[in-house]
Amino acid sequence: MDKEKVVSMCQSQMQDIATRLGKNISYEAKATLIQARSTALLALAIATQDSKEG
């Protein structure tokens, strides 16, 4: 998978998570979404770093 597609997917995922976090959901669900957002941010950082180096 190319890096541009990974970046696009991560950004889309983070937008979806932000939308869901704005809704009235349980604390457990919010914690899970925050973990997912952190993972997406990490993947985005790695893809961005790789594209700058490569």
N, C-alpha and C. Protein backbone atom coordinates (compact mmCIF):
# COMPACT_ATOMS: atom_id res chain seq x y z
N MET A 1 0.85 -1.17 0.00
CA MET A 1 0.00 0.00 0.00
C MET A 1 0.90 1.24 0.00
N ASP A 2 0.58 2.20 -0.86
CA ASP A 2 1.43 3.38 -0.92
C ASP A 2 1.16 4.34 0.24
N LYS A 3 2.14 5.15 0.52
CA LYS A 3 2.09 6.03 1.70
C LYS A 3 0.98 7.06 1.60
N GLU A 4 0.70 7.56 0.41
CA GLU A 4 -0.35 8.56 0.25
C GLU A 4 -1.72 7.97 0.62
N LYS A 5 -1.92 6.73 0.26
CA LYS A 5 -3.18 6.07 0.61
C LYS A 5 -3.28 5.87 2.12
N VAL A 6 -2.17 5.51 2.77
CA VAL A 6 -2.16 5.35 4.23
C VAL A 6 -2.49 6.67 4.90
N VAL A 7 -1.87 7.76 4.45
CA VAL A 7 -2.14 9.08 5.01
C VAL A 7 -3.61 9.43 4.86
N SER A 8 -4.15 9.21 3.69
CA SER A 8 -5.55 9.50 3.43
C SER A 8 -6.47 8.68 4.34
N MET A 9 -6.17 7.41 4.48
CA MET A 9 -6.98 6.53 5.32
C MET A 9 -6.92 6.97 6.79
N CYS A 10 -5.73 7.32 7.26
CA CYS A 10 -5.57 7.76 8.65
C CYS A 10 -6.34 9.04 8.91
N GLN A 11 -6.25 9.97 7.99
CA GLN A 11 -6.97 11.23 8.17
C GLN A 11 -8.47 11.00 8.18
N SER A 12 -8.95 10.15 7.30
CA SER A 12 -10.37 9.83 7.27
C SER A 12 -10.82 9.15 8.57
N GLN A 13 -10.01 8.24 9.04
CA GLN A 13 -10.32 7.53 10.29
C GLN A 13 -10.38 8.50 11.46
N MET A 14 -9.44 9.44 11.51
CA MET A 14 -9.43 10.40 12.61
C MET A 14 -10.66 11.30 12.57
N GLN A 15 -11.12 11.66 11.38
CA GLN A 15 -12.33 12.47 11.25
C GLN A 15 -13.55 11.68 11.73
N ASP A 16 -13.63 10.41 11.36
CA ASP A 16 -14.73 9.56 11.80
C ASP A 16 -14.74 9.42 13.33
N ILE A 17 -13.57 9.25 13.90
CA ILE A 17 -13.46 9.10 15.36
C ILE A 17 -13.89 10.40 16.05
N ALA A 18 -13.46 11.53 15.53
CA ALA A 18 -13.84 12.82 16.12
C ALA A 18 -15.35 13.00 16.10
N THR A 19 -15.99 12.57 15.02
CA THR A 19 -17.45 12.66 14.92
C THR A 19 -18.11 11.78 15.97
N ARG A 20 -17.61 10.57 16.12
CA ARG A 20 -18.19 9.65 17.10
C ARG A 20 -17.96 10.12 18.54
N LEU A 21 -16.80 10.73 18.80
CA LEU A 21 -16.52 11.23 20.15
C LEU A 21 -17.47 12.35 20.55
N GLY A 22 -18.00 13.06 19.57
CA GLY A 22 -18.93 14.15 19.83
C GLY A 22 -20.33 13.68 20.21
N LYS A 23 -20.57 12.40 20.09
CA LYS A 23 -21.90 11.87 20.39
C LYS A 23 -21.98 11.42 21.84
N ASN A 24 -23.19 11.21 22.30
CA ASN A 24 -23.43 10.78 23.68
C ASN A 24 -23.22 9.27 23.77
N ILE A 25 -21.98 8.87 24.13
CA ILE A 25 -21.65 7.45 24.26
C ILE A 25 -21.00 7.21 25.62
N SER A 26 -20.86 5.96 25.97
CA SER A 26 -20.31 5.61 27.28
C SER A 26 -18.82 5.99 27.38
N TYR A 27 -18.36 6.07 28.61
CA TYR A 27 -16.94 6.37 28.83
C TYR A 27 -16.05 5.28 28.25
N GLU A 28 -16.50 4.04 28.33
CA GLU A 28 -15.73 2.92 27.77
C GLU A 28 -15.59 3.06 26.26
N ALA A 29 -16.68 3.45 25.62
CA ALA A 29 -16.64 3.63 24.17
C ALA A 29 -15.72 4.79 23.80
N LYS A 30 -15.79 5.87 24.59
CA LYS A 30 -14.90 7.01 24.33
C LYS A 30 -13.44 6.60 24.51
N ALA A 31 -13.15 5.81 25.54
CA ALA A 31 -11.77 5.36 25.76
C ALA A 31 -11.27 4.54 24.58
N THR A 32 -12.12 3.67 24.07
CA THR A 32 -11.75 2.84 22.91
C THR A 32 -11.49 3.71 21.69
N LEU A 33 -12.34 4.71 21.47
CA LEU A 33 -12.15 5.61 20.33
C LEU A 33 -10.88 6.43 20.46
N ILE A 34 -10.57 6.85 21.68
CA ILE A 34 -9.35 7.62 21.91
C ILE A 34 -8.12 6.75 21.61
N GLN A 35 -8.18 5.47 22.00
CA GLN A 35 -7.08 4.56 21.66
C GLN A 35 -6.95 4.40 20.15
N ALA A 36 -8.08 4.27 19.47
CA ALA A 36 -8.06 4.13 18.02
C ALA A 36 -7.49 5.38 17.36
N ARG A 37 -7.84 6.55 17.91
CA ARG A 37 -7.31 7.80 17.37
C ARG A 37 -5.80 7.87 17.56
N SER A 38 -5.33 7.42 18.70
CA SER A 38 -3.88 7.42 18.95
C SER A 38 -3.16 6.51 17.97
N THR A 39 -3.74 5.36 17.69
CA THR A 39 -3.16 4.42 16.73
C THR A 39 -3.13 5.03 15.33
N ALA A 40 -4.22 5.70 14.96
CA ALA A 40 -4.27 6.34 13.64
C ALA A 40 -3.24 7.46 13.54
N LEU A 41 -3.08 8.22 14.62
CA LEU A 41 -2.07 9.29 14.62
C LEU A 41 -0.66 8.72 14.50
N LEU A 42 -0.41 7.61 15.18
CA LEU A 42 0.90 6.98 15.10
C LEU A 42 1.17 6.49 13.68
N ALA A 43 0.18 5.85 13.07
CA ALA A 43 0.34 5.37 11.69
C ALA A 43 0.56 6.54 10.73
N LEU A 44 -0.15 7.63 10.97
CA LEU A 44 0.02 8.82 10.14
C LEU A 44 1.43 9.39 10.29
N ALA A 45 1.92 9.44 11.52
CA ALA A 45 3.26 9.96 11.77
C ALA A 45 4.31 9.09 11.10
N ILE A 46 4.15 7.79 11.18
CA ILE A 46 5.10 6.88 10.56
C ILE A 46 5.07 7.03 9.04
N ALA A 47 3.88 7.08 8.47
CA ALA A 47 3.77 7.22 7.01
C ALA A 47 4.35 8.54 6.54
N THR A 48 4.11 9.60 7.30
CA THR A 48 4.63 10.92 6.93
C THR A 48 6.15 10.94 7.04
N GLN A 49 6.67 10.35 8.11
CA GLN A 49 8.12 10.32 8.30
C GLN A 49 8.78 9.51 7.19
N ASP A 50 8.20 8.37 6.87
CA ASP A 50 8.75 7.53 5.81
C ASP A 50 8.77 8.27 4.47
N SER A 51 7.71 9.04 4.19
CA SER A 51 7.66 9.73 2.91
C SER A 51 8.69 10.86 2.85
N LYS A 52 9.00 11.47 4.00
CA LYS A 52 10.01 12.52 4.02
C LYS A 52 11.41 11.94 3.84
N GLU A 53 11.63 10.75 4.41
CA GLU A 53 12.95 10.12 4.31
C GLU A 53 13.16 9.48 2.94
N GLY A 54 12.07 8.95 2.36
CA GLY A 54 12.18 8.21 1.12
C GLY A 54 12.07 9.11 -0.04
